[in-house]
Amino acid sequence: MDKKEAKKIIEAALFMAPGAVSVNELSKAINVNVAETRVLVNELVHDFEAMDLALEIRDEAAGFRMSVKPKYEASVSHMAAAPELHRGIMKTLAYIAYKQPVKQSEVINFRNSKAYEHIKILKEKGFLRKEKKGITYILYTTPKFREYFGKNIASGDPAAGGIKEEQEETGSPAEEESG
């Protein structure tokens, strides 16, 4: 991989990451040793400074972070996305996405009774669908889930970080129940 391409991958990683990214993580992303990675990141920092952008790359204790320059933060901070789903709900969703199709009762047994509320919220937000089967429900992720988290998340391709794809929907929509 050439230097220009490696810097683009580092830039993309910093843009996508919700927090600071260590040099070790960046090194793995570009498959280059840590010392060379540090040189590339420093060059990227200087590139950003030379372009006089509203964004900067900061060197922090935990690693590097791409962020808005303090000068512009007050003007745009209200636009920052608030997390739509808290950690507990995300864990429930991750379990469902990985195991799908999965019985609601299995999710409750694995997570705990709070998962009933998680499932209700996830269904209301359009990330899950439920199909009645006997005395339980079968849970699946929806196209909105794949759109929100990325098309490869449910591709089944471990190399792409994917998980099992939902099975094709059969029949008409099932009767819904909140719990």
N, C-alpha and C. Protein backbone atom coordinates (compact mmCIF):
# COMPACT_ATOMS: atom_id res chain seq x y z
N MET A 1 0.85 -1.18 0.00
CA MET A 1 0.00 0.00 0.00
C MET A 1 0.89 1.23 0.00
N ASP A 2 0.54 2.19 -0.86
CA ASP A 2 1.36 3.39 -0.91
C ASP A 2 1.00 4.35 0.24
N LYS A 3 1.89 5.29 0.44
CA LYS A 3 1.79 6.25 1.55
C LYS A 3 0.47 7.04 1.49
N LYS A 4 0.10 7.49 0.31
CA LYS A 4 -1.12 8.29 0.13
C LYS A 4 -2.36 7.49 0.55
N GLU A 5 -2.41 6.24 0.13
CA GLU A 5 -3.55 5.38 0.46
C GLU A 5 -3.59 5.08 1.96
N ALA A 6 -2.42 4.84 2.56
CA ALA A 6 -2.35 4.58 4.01
C ALA A 6 -2.87 5.77 4.79
N LYS A 7 -2.53 6.98 4.37
CA LYS A 7 -3.00 8.19 5.05
C LYS A 7 -4.51 8.34 4.90
N LYS A 8 -5.05 7.95 3.76
CA LYS A 8 -6.50 8.01 3.56
C LYS A 8 -7.22 7.04 4.51
N ILE A 9 -6.64 5.86 4.68
CA ILE A 9 -7.24 4.88 5.59
C ILE A 9 -7.17 5.39 7.02
N ILE A 10 -6.07 5.99 7.41
CA ILE A 10 -5.94 6.57 8.75
C ILE A 10 -6.99 7.67 8.93
N GLU A 11 -7.12 8.53 7.95
CA GLU A 11 -8.11 9.61 8.01
C GLU A 11 -9.53 9.04 8.16
N ALA A 12 -9.85 8.02 7.38
CA ALA A 12 -11.17 7.39 7.46
C ALA A 12 -11.39 6.76 8.83
N ALA A 13 -10.37 6.12 9.37
CA ALA A 13 -10.48 5.50 10.69
C ALA A 13 -10.74 6.54 11.76
N LEU A 14 -10.02 7.64 11.69
CA LEU A 14 -10.21 8.71 12.69
C LEU A 14 -11.58 9.36 12.55
N PHE A 15 -12.06 9.47 11.34
CA PHE A 15 -13.38 10.04 11.10
C PHE A 15 -14.48 9.14 11.66
N MET A 16 -14.34 7.84 11.45
CA MET A 16 -15.36 6.88 11.86
C MET A 16 -15.36 6.58 13.36
N ALA A 17 -14.21 6.67 13.98
CA ALA A 17 -14.10 6.29 15.39
C ALA A 17 -14.82 7.29 16.29
N PRO A 18 -15.55 6.79 17.29
CA PRO A 18 -16.25 7.68 18.20
C PRO A 18 -15.33 8.36 19.21
N GLY A 19 -14.11 7.88 19.34
CA GLY A 19 -13.16 8.44 20.30
C GLY A 19 -11.76 8.37 19.74
N ALA A 20 -10.80 8.49 20.63
CA ALA A 20 -9.39 8.43 20.23
C ALA A 20 -9.04 7.02 19.75
N VAL A 21 -8.14 6.96 18.77
CA VAL A 21 -7.69 5.68 18.21
C VAL A 21 -6.19 5.57 18.46
N SER A 22 -5.78 4.45 19.04
CA SER A 22 -4.37 4.27 19.35
C SER A 22 -3.55 4.06 18.08
N VAL A 23 -2.27 4.35 18.17
CA VAL A 23 -1.37 4.14 17.04
C VAL A 23 -1.33 2.65 16.69
N ASN A 24 -1.43 1.79 17.69
CA ASN A 24 -1.45 0.35 17.43
C ASN A 24 -2.64 -0.04 16.56
N GLU A 25 -3.83 0.52 16.87
CA GLU A 25 -5.02 0.21 16.08
C GLU A 25 -4.86 0.72 14.65
N LEU A 26 -4.35 1.93 14.51
CA LEU A 26 -4.13 2.49 13.18
C LEU A 26 -3.12 1.66 12.41
N SER A 27 -2.08 1.21 13.11
CA SER A 27 -1.04 0.38 12.50
C SER A 27 -1.64 -0.90 11.92
N LYS A 28 -2.55 -1.52 12.67
CA LYS A 28 -3.20 -2.74 12.20
C LYS A 28 -4.08 -2.45 10.99
N ALA A 29 -4.75 -1.30 10.99
CA ALA A 29 -5.65 -0.94 9.89
C ALA A 29 -4.91 -0.80 8.57
N ILE A 30 -3.69 -0.30 8.63
CA ILE A 30 -2.92 -0.08 7.40
C ILE A 30 -1.83 -1.13 7.19
N ASN A 31 -1.67 -2.03 8.15
CA ASN A 31 -0.71 -3.12 8.07
C ASN A 31 0.72 -2.60 7.89
N VAL A 32 1.06 -1.63 8.75
CA VAL A 32 2.40 -1.01 8.74
C VAL A 32 2.86 -0.98 10.19
N ASN A 33 4.16 -1.00 10.43
CA ASN A 33 4.65 -1.00 11.81
C ASN A 33 4.29 0.32 12.52
N VAL A 34 4.33 0.29 13.84
CA VAL A 34 3.89 1.42 14.67
C VAL A 34 4.70 2.69 14.40
N ALA A 35 6.00 2.55 14.24
CA ALA A 35 6.85 3.73 14.01
C ALA A 35 6.48 4.43 12.70
N GLU A 36 6.30 3.64 11.63
CA GLU A 36 5.91 4.22 10.34
C GLU A 36 4.51 4.82 10.42
N THR A 37 3.64 4.17 11.17
CA THR A 37 2.27 4.67 11.33
C THR A 37 2.29 6.02 12.02
N ARG A 38 3.11 6.15 13.06
CA ARG A 38 3.20 7.43 13.78
C ARG A 38 3.67 8.54 12.84
N VAL A 39 4.63 8.24 11.97
CA VAL A 39 5.13 9.22 10.99
C VAL A 39 3.98 9.62 10.06
N LEU A 40 3.22 8.64 9.57
CA LEU A 40 2.11 8.93 8.66
C LEU A 40 1.02 9.78 9.34
N VAL A 41 0.72 9.47 10.60
CA VAL A 41 -0.28 10.25 11.34
C VAL A 41 0.20 11.68 11.52
N ASN A 42 1.47 11.85 11.87
CA ASN A 42 2.01 13.20 12.03
C ASN A 42 1.97 13.98 10.72
N GLU A 43 2.25 13.30 9.61
CA GLU A 43 2.14 13.96 8.30
C GLU A 43 0.69 14.38 8.04
N LEU A 44 -0.25 13.51 8.41
CA LEU A 44 -1.67 13.82 8.22
C LEU A 44 -2.09 15.02 9.07
N VAL A 45 -1.58 15.09 10.29
CA VAL A 45 -1.85 16.24 11.16
C VAL A 45 -1.38 17.53 10.46
N HIS A 46 -0.18 17.50 9.91
CA HIS A 46 0.36 18.67 9.21
C HIS A 46 -0.42 18.98 7.93
N ASP A 47 -0.88 17.93 7.24
CA ASP A 47 -1.70 18.13 6.04
C ASP A 47 -2.98 18.89 6.40
N PHE A 48 -3.62 18.48 7.50
CA PHE A 48 -4.85 19.13 7.94
C PHE A 48 -4.58 20.59 8.29
N GLU A 49 -3.47 20.84 8.99
CA GLU A 49 -3.11 22.22 9.35
C GLU A 49 -2.87 23.06 8.10
N ALA A 50 -2.21 22.50 7.11
CA ALA A 50 -1.89 23.24 5.88
C ALA A 50 -3.15 23.56 5.07
N MET A 51 -4.16 22.69 5.15
CA MET A 51 -5.40 22.93 4.40
C MET A 51 -6.32 23.93 5.08
N ASP A 52 -5.98 24.32 6.30
CA ASP A 52 -6.78 25.29 7.05
C ASP A 52 -8.25 24.89 7.10
N LEU A 53 -8.50 23.68 7.59
CA LEU A 53 -9.85 23.14 7.71
C LEU A 53 -10.47 23.48 9.07
N ALA A 54 -11.74 23.24 9.20
CA ALA A 54 -12.43 23.40 10.49
C ALA A 54 -12.17 22.18 11.37
N LEU A 55 -11.60 21.14 10.79
CA LEU A 55 -11.29 19.91 11.53
C LEU A 55 -9.81 19.85 11.84
N GLU A 56 -9.50 19.10 12.89
CA GLU A 56 -8.11 18.88 13.25
C GLU A 56 -7.94 17.46 13.76
N ILE A 57 -6.71 17.01 13.80
CA ILE A 57 -6.39 15.71 14.39
C ILE A 57 -5.56 16.01 15.62
N ARG A 58 -6.08 15.58 16.77
CA ARG A 58 -5.43 15.84 18.05
C ARG A 58 -4.69 14.60 18.54
N ASP A 59 -3.54 14.81 19.11
CA ASP A 59 -2.77 13.74 19.74
C ASP A 59 -3.13 13.78 21.22
N GLU A 60 -3.84 12.76 21.69
CA GLU A 60 -4.28 12.68 23.09
C GLU A 60 -3.61 11.49 23.76
N ALA A 61 -3.78 11.39 25.05
CA ALA A 61 -3.16 10.29 25.81
C ALA A 61 -3.61 8.92 25.28
N ALA A 62 -4.89 8.81 24.90
CA ALA A 62 -5.43 7.52 24.45
C ALA A 62 -5.17 7.25 22.98
N GLY A 63 -4.66 8.24 22.26
CA GLY A 63 -4.40 8.08 20.84
C GLY A 63 -4.75 9.34 20.07
N PHE A 64 -5.09 9.18 18.81
CA PHE A 64 -5.41 10.32 17.97
C PHE A 64 -6.91 10.42 17.77
N ARG A 65 -7.39 11.65 17.66
CA ARG A 65 -8.82 11.89 17.50
C ARG A 65 -9.02 13.00 16.47
N MET A 66 -9.97 12.79 15.58
CA MET A 66 -10.37 13.84 14.65
C MET A 66 -11.51 14.60 15.32
N SER A 67 -11.42 15.93 15.31
CA SER A 67 -12.48 16.72 15.94
C SER A 67 -12.57 18.09 15.28
N VAL A 68 -13.62 18.80 15.67
CA VAL A 68 -13.82 20.17 15.20
C VAL A 68 -12.88 21.07 16.01
N LYS A 69 -12.27 22.03 15.35
CA LYS A 69 -11.41 22.98 16.06
C LYS A 69 -12.24 23.75 17.08
N PRO A 70 -11.64 24.04 18.24
CA PRO A 70 -12.38 24.76 19.30
C PRO A 70 -13.04 26.05 18.79
N LYS A 71 -12.41 26.72 17.86
CA LYS A 71 -12.94 27.97 17.30
C LYS A 71 -14.35 27.78 16.71
N TYR A 72 -14.66 26.58 16.18
CA TYR A 72 -15.94 26.33 15.51
C TYR A 72 -16.90 25.50 16.35
N GLU A 73 -16.41 24.94 17.43
CA GLU A 73 -17.23 24.03 18.25
C GLU A 73 -18.53 24.65 18.73
N ALA A 74 -18.48 25.86 19.27
CA ALA A 74 -19.68 26.50 19.81
C ALA A 74 -20.74 26.70 18.74
N SER A 75 -20.32 26.93 17.52
CA SER A 75 -21.27 27.17 16.43
C SER A 75 -21.99 25.91 15.96
N VAL A 76 -21.37 24.76 16.15
CA VAL A 76 -21.95 23.53 15.60
C VAL A 76 -22.21 22.42 16.62
N SER A 77 -21.85 22.62 17.86
CA SER A 77 -21.97 21.54 18.85
C SER A 77 -23.40 21.03 19.00
N HIS A 78 -24.39 21.89 18.79
CA HIS A 78 -25.79 21.47 18.92
C HIS A 78 -26.18 20.46 17.84
N MET A 79 -25.37 20.33 16.82
CA MET A 79 -25.66 19.39 15.73
C MET A 79 -25.10 18.00 15.98
N ALA A 80 -24.30 17.85 17.00
CA ALA A 80 -23.70 16.55 17.30
C ALA A 80 -24.80 15.54 17.61
N ALA A 81 -24.64 14.36 17.08
CA ALA A 81 -25.64 13.32 17.29
C ALA A 81 -25.56 12.79 18.72
N ALA A 82 -26.70 12.78 19.36
CA ALA A 82 -26.79 12.15 20.69
C ALA A 82 -26.97 10.66 20.46
N PRO A 83 -26.39 9.84 21.32
CA PRO A 83 -26.57 8.41 21.13
C PRO A 83 -28.06 8.06 21.20
N GLU A 84 -28.53 7.36 20.16
CA GLU A 84 -29.95 7.02 20.09
C GLU A 84 -30.29 5.86 21.01
N LEU A 85 -29.33 4.98 21.23
CA LEU A 85 -29.59 3.77 22.01
C LEU A 85 -28.52 3.62 23.09
N HIS A 86 -28.95 3.40 24.34
CA HIS A 86 -27.96 3.24 25.40
C HIS A 86 -27.32 1.85 25.35
N ARG A 87 -26.28 1.69 26.11
CA ARG A 87 -25.44 0.49 26.06
C ARG A 87 -26.21 -0.81 26.26
N GLY A 88 -27.13 -0.84 27.22
CA GLY A 88 -27.91 -2.06 27.47
C GLY A 88 -28.74 -2.46 26.27
N ILE A 89 -29.38 -1.47 25.65
CA ILE A 89 -30.19 -1.75 24.46
C ILE A 89 -29.29 -2.21 23.32
N MET A 90 -28.12 -1.60 23.19
CA MET A 90 -27.19 -2.01 22.14
C MET A 90 -26.72 -3.45 22.33
N LYS A 91 -26.51 -3.87 23.57
CA LYS A 91 -26.10 -5.25 23.84
C LYS A 91 -27.22 -6.22 23.45
N THR A 92 -28.46 -5.84 23.77
CA THR A 92 -29.60 -6.67 23.39
C THR A 92 -29.70 -6.76 21.88
N LEU A 93 -29.58 -5.64 21.19
CA LEU A 93 -29.65 -5.61 19.73
C LEU A 93 -28.52 -6.43 19.11
N ALA A 94 -27.33 -6.32 19.65
CA ALA A 94 -26.19 -7.08 19.12
C ALA A 94 -26.44 -8.58 19.24
N TYR A 95 -26.99 -9.01 20.38
CA TYR A 95 -27.28 -10.43 20.58
C TYR A 95 -28.30 -10.90 19.55
N ILE A 96 -29.35 -10.11 19.36
CA ILE A 96 -30.41 -10.48 18.41
C ILE A 96 -29.83 -10.54 16.99
N ALA A 97 -29.05 -9.54 16.63
CA ALA A 97 -28.48 -9.48 15.29
C ALA A 97 -27.57 -10.68 15.02
N TYR A 98 -26.81 -11.07 16.02
CA TYR A 98 -25.88 -12.18 15.85
C TYR A 98 -26.60 -13.52 15.77
N LYS A 99 -27.64 -13.69 16.60
CA LYS A 99 -28.32 -14.99 16.71
C LYS A 99 -29.51 -15.15 15.77
N GLN A 100 -29.97 -14.07 15.15
CA GLN A 100 -31.21 -14.13 14.39
C GLN A 100 -31.26 -15.24 13.37
N PRO A 101 -32.46 -15.81 13.13
CA PRO A 101 -33.67 -15.57 13.89
C PRO A 101 -33.55 -16.16 15.28
N VAL A 102 -34.02 -15.43 16.28
CA VAL A 102 -33.87 -15.86 17.66
C VAL A 102 -35.19 -15.70 18.40
N LYS A 103 -35.47 -16.66 19.29
CA LYS A 103 -36.69 -16.56 20.11
C LYS A 103 -36.53 -15.44 21.12
N GLN A 104 -37.61 -14.70 21.32
CA GLN A 104 -37.59 -13.64 22.32
C GLN A 104 -37.24 -14.21 23.70
N SER A 105 -37.76 -15.39 24.00
CA SER A 105 -37.49 -16.00 25.31
C SER A 105 -35.99 -16.27 25.49
N GLU A 106 -35.30 -16.63 24.41
CA GLU A 106 -33.85 -16.87 24.49
C GLU A 106 -33.11 -15.56 24.80
N VAL A 107 -33.57 -14.48 24.18
CA VAL A 107 -32.96 -13.17 24.42
C VAL A 107 -33.15 -12.78 25.88
N ILE A 108 -34.36 -12.99 26.41
CA ILE A 108 -34.66 -12.64 27.80
C ILE A 108 -33.79 -13.48 28.73
N ASN A 109 -33.67 -14.77 28.44
CA ASN A 109 -32.83 -15.64 29.28
C ASN A 109 -31.37 -15.21 29.25
N PHE A 110 -30.89 -14.79 28.08
CA PHE A 110 -29.49 -14.40 27.95
C PHE A 110 -29.22 -13.04 28.58
N ARG A 111 -30.09 -12.06 28.31
CA ARG A 111 -29.87 -10.69 28.78
C ARG A 111 -30.43 -10.48 30.19
N ASN A 112 -31.71 -10.47 30.37
CA ASN A 112 -32.46 -10.39 31.61
C ASN A 112 -33.83 -9.82 31.28
N SER A 113 -34.68 -9.64 32.27
CA SER A 113 -36.05 -9.19 32.00
C SER A 113 -36.12 -7.77 31.44
N LYS A 114 -35.06 -6.99 31.60
CA LYS A 114 -35.04 -5.64 31.02
C LYS A 114 -35.06 -5.71 29.49
N ALA A 115 -34.71 -6.86 28.95
CA ALA A 115 -34.69 -7.01 27.50
C ALA A 115 -36.09 -6.87 26.90
N TYR A 116 -37.15 -7.14 27.68
CA TYR A 116 -38.51 -6.91 27.17
C TYR A 116 -38.66 -5.45 26.75
N GLU A 117 -38.22 -4.56 27.61
CA GLU A 117 -38.31 -3.12 27.31
C GLU A 117 -37.37 -2.76 26.16
N HIS A 118 -36.18 -3.36 26.14
CA HIS A 118 -35.23 -3.10 25.04
C HIS A 118 -35.85 -3.49 23.70
N ILE A 119 -36.46 -4.67 23.66
CA ILE A 119 -37.08 -5.17 22.44
C ILE A 119 -38.21 -4.23 22.00
N LYS A 120 -39.00 -3.79 22.95
CA LYS A 120 -40.10 -2.86 22.64
C LYS A 120 -39.55 -1.58 22.01
N ILE A 121 -38.50 -1.00 22.60
CA ILE A 121 -37.89 0.23 22.08
C ILE A 121 -37.29 0.00 20.70
N LEU A 122 -36.58 -1.11 20.54
CA LEU A 122 -35.95 -1.42 19.25
C LEU A 122 -36.99 -1.62 18.15
N LYS A 123 -38.12 -2.22 18.51
CA LYS A 123 -39.20 -2.41 17.54
C LYS A 123 -39.82 -1.05 17.19
N GLU A 124 -40.06 -0.21 18.20
CA GLU A 124 -40.63 1.12 17.96
C GLU A 124 -39.72 1.96 17.06
N LYS A 125 -38.41 1.81 17.22
CA LYS A 125 -37.46 2.58 16.43
C LYS A 125 -37.21 1.96 15.06
N GLY A 126 -37.80 0.79 14.82
CA GLY A 126 -37.70 0.16 13.51
C GLY A 126 -36.49 -0.71 13.28
N PHE A 127 -35.75 -1.06 14.34
CA PHE A 127 -34.56 -1.90 14.18
C PHE A 127 -34.89 -3.39 14.21
N LEU A 128 -36.05 -3.75 14.78
CA LEU A 128 -36.44 -5.16 14.91
C LEU A 128 -37.85 -5.37 14.38
N ARG A 129 -38.11 -6.62 14.00
CA ARG A 129 -39.48 -7.05 13.75
C ARG A 129 -39.68 -8.35 14.50
N LYS A 130 -40.95 -8.60 14.86
CA LYS A 130 -41.29 -9.79 15.64
C LYS A 130 -42.33 -10.60 14.88
N GLU A 131 -42.19 -11.91 14.94
CA GLU A 131 -43.20 -12.80 14.37
C GLU A 131 -43.64 -13.76 15.46
N LYS A 132 -44.95 -13.87 15.65
CA LYS A 132 -45.50 -14.78 16.66
C LYS A 132 -45.24 -16.21 16.23
N LYS A 133 -44.74 -17.01 17.15
CA LYS A 133 -44.52 -18.43 16.88
C LYS A 133 -44.80 -19.18 18.17
N GLY A 134 -45.93 -19.84 18.24
CA GLY A 134 -46.32 -20.54 19.46
C GLY A 134 -46.55 -19.55 20.58
N ILE A 135 -45.89 -19.76 21.71
CA ILE A 135 -46.06 -18.86 22.85
C ILE A 135 -44.97 -17.80 22.94
N THR A 136 -44.10 -17.77 21.95
CA THR A 136 -43.04 -16.76 21.96
C THR A 136 -43.04 -16.01 20.63
N TYR A 137 -42.09 -15.14 20.48
CA TYR A 137 -41.90 -14.40 19.24
C TYR A 137 -40.52 -14.72 18.70
N ILE A 138 -40.40 -14.66 17.38
CA ILE A 138 -39.11 -14.79 16.73
C ILE A 138 -38.70 -13.38 16.33
N LEU A 139 -37.45 -13.02 16.64
CA LEU A 139 -36.96 -11.67 16.40
C LEU A 139 -35.97 -11.64 15.25
N TYR A 140 -36.08 -10.58 14.44
CA TYR A 140 -35.21 -10.36 13.30
C TYR A 140 -34.84 -8.89 13.25
N THR A 141 -33.68 -8.59 12.68
CA THR A 141 -33.36 -7.20 12.41
C THR A 141 -34.07 -6.79 11.12
N THR A 142 -34.16 -5.49 10.89
CA THR A 142 -34.87 -4.96 9.73
C THR A 142 -33.88 -4.29 8.77
N PRO A 143 -34.38 -3.90 7.60
CA PRO A 143 -33.51 -3.13 6.69
C PRO A 143 -33.00 -1.84 7.34
N LYS A 144 -33.80 -1.23 8.23
CA LYS A 144 -33.34 -0.01 8.90
C LYS A 144 -32.09 -0.31 9.74
N PHE A 145 -32.04 -1.48 10.38
CA PHE A 145 -30.87 -1.88 11.15
C PHE A 145 -29.63 -1.88 10.26
N ARG A 146 -29.74 -2.51 9.09
CA ARG A 146 -28.60 -2.60 8.17
C ARG A 146 -28.22 -1.22 7.63
N GLU A 147 -29.22 -0.39 7.37
CA GLU A 147 -28.96 0.96 6.88
C GLU A 147 -28.25 1.81 7.94
N TYR A 148 -28.72 1.70 9.18
CA TYR A 148 -28.19 2.51 10.28
C TYR A 148 -26.77 2.09 10.67
N PHE A 149 -26.53 0.79 10.74
CA PHE A 149 -25.24 0.29 11.22
C PHE A 149 -24.27 -0.05 10.09
N GLY A 150 -24.71 0.02 8.86
CA GLY A 150 -23.84 -0.26 7.73
C GLY A 150 -24.24 -1.54 7.04
N LYS A 151 -24.14 -1.53 5.71
CA LYS A 151 -24.64 -2.67 4.94
C LYS A 151 -23.86 -3.95 5.21
N ASN A 152 -22.60 -3.88 5.61
CA ASN A 152 -21.81 -5.09 5.84
C ASN A 152 -22.03 -5.69 7.22
N ILE A 153 -22.72 -4.99 8.09
CA ILE A 153 -22.90 -5.48 9.47
C ILE A 153 -23.63 -6.82 9.49
N ALA A 154 -24.55 -7.00 8.57
CA ALA A 154 -25.32 -8.24 8.55
C ALA A 154 -25.01 -9.10 7.33
N SER A 155 -23.86 -8.90 6.73
CA SER A 155 -23.53 -9.60 5.49
C SER A 155 -23.15 -11.06 5.71
N GLY A 156 -22.78 -11.41 6.92
CA GLY A 156 -22.32 -12.76 7.17
C GLY A 156 -20.85 -12.95 6.84
N ASP A 157 -20.21 -11.92 6.34
CA ASP A 157 -18.80 -11.99 5.96
C ASP A 157 -17.94 -11.56 7.14
N PRO A 158 -17.34 -12.52 7.86
CA PRO A 158 -16.53 -12.15 9.02
C PRO A 158 -15.40 -11.19 8.67
N ALA A 159 -14.88 -11.26 7.45
CA ALA A 159 -13.80 -10.36 7.05
C ALA A 159 -14.28 -8.93 6.96
N ALA A 160 -15.58 -8.76 6.70
CA ALA A 160 -16.16 -7.41 6.61
C ALA A 160 -16.76 -7.00 7.95
N GLY A 161 -16.56 -7.82 8.98
CA GLY A 161 -17.12 -7.51 10.29
C GLY A 161 -18.60 -7.80 10.34
N GLY A 162 -19.07 -8.63 9.42
CA GLY A 162 -20.50 -8.87 9.31
C GLY A 162 -20.98 -9.98 10.21
N ILE A 163 -22.30 -10.04 10.33
CA ILE A 163 -22.96 -11.09 11.09
C ILE A 163 -24.02 -11.72 10.20
N LYS A 164 -24.68 -12.75 10.70
CA LYS A 164 -25.64 -13.47 9.89
C LYS A 164 -26.75 -12.57 9.38
N GLU A 165 -27.13 -12.77 8.13
CA GLU A 165 -28.20 -12.02 7.47
C GLU A 165 -29.54 -12.55 7.96
N GLU A 166 -30.52 -11.66 8.09
CA GLU A 166 -31.85 -12.10 8.47
C GLU A 166 -32.42 -12.96 7.37
N GLN A 167 -33.24 -13.93 7.73
CA GLN A 167 -33.85 -14.79 6.74
C GLN A 167 -34.97 -14.03 6.05
N GLU A 168 -35.34 -14.49 4.87
CA GLU A 168 -36.41 -13.85 4.13
C GLU A 168 -37.70 -13.90 4.92
N GLU A 169 -38.44 -12.81 4.87
CA GLU A 169 -39.72 -12.74 5.57
C GLU A 169 -40.72 -13.59 4.80
N THR A 170 -41.48 -14.42 5.52
CA THR A 170 -42.47 -15.26 4.88
C THR A 170 -43.84 -14.90 5.39
N GLY A 171 -44.81 -14.92 4.52
CA GLY A 171 -46.18 -14.67 4.93
C GLY A 171 -46.44 -13.22 5.25
N SER A 172 -47.57 -13.01 5.92
CA SER A 172 -47.97 -11.65 6.28
C SER A 172 -47.42 -11.26 7.62
N PRO A 173 -47.41 -9.96 7.90
CA PRO A 173 -46.89 -9.51 9.20
C PRO A 173 -47.67 -10.16 10.35
N ALA A 174 -46.92 -10.59 11.36
CA ALA A 174 -47.52 -11.29 12.50
C ALA A 174 -48.18 -10.32 13.46
N GLU A 175 -49.08 -10.85 14.26
CA GLU A 175 -49.72 -10.07 15.31
C GLU A 175 -48.66 -9.61 16.28
N GLU A 176 -48.74 -8.37 16.71
CA GLU A 176 -47.70 -7.80 17.57
C GLU A 176 -48.13 -7.78 19.02
N GLU A 177 -47.15 -7.96 19.90
CA GLU A 177 -47.37 -7.88 21.33
C GLU A 177 -46.18 -7.14 21.93
N SER A 178 -46.38 -6.33 22.95
CA SER A 178 -45.27 -5.53 23.50
C SER A 178 -44.36 -6.33 24.40
N GLY A 179 -44.71 -7.46 24.87
CA GLY A 179 -43.84 -8.16 25.81
C GLY A 179 -43.65 -9.52 25.51
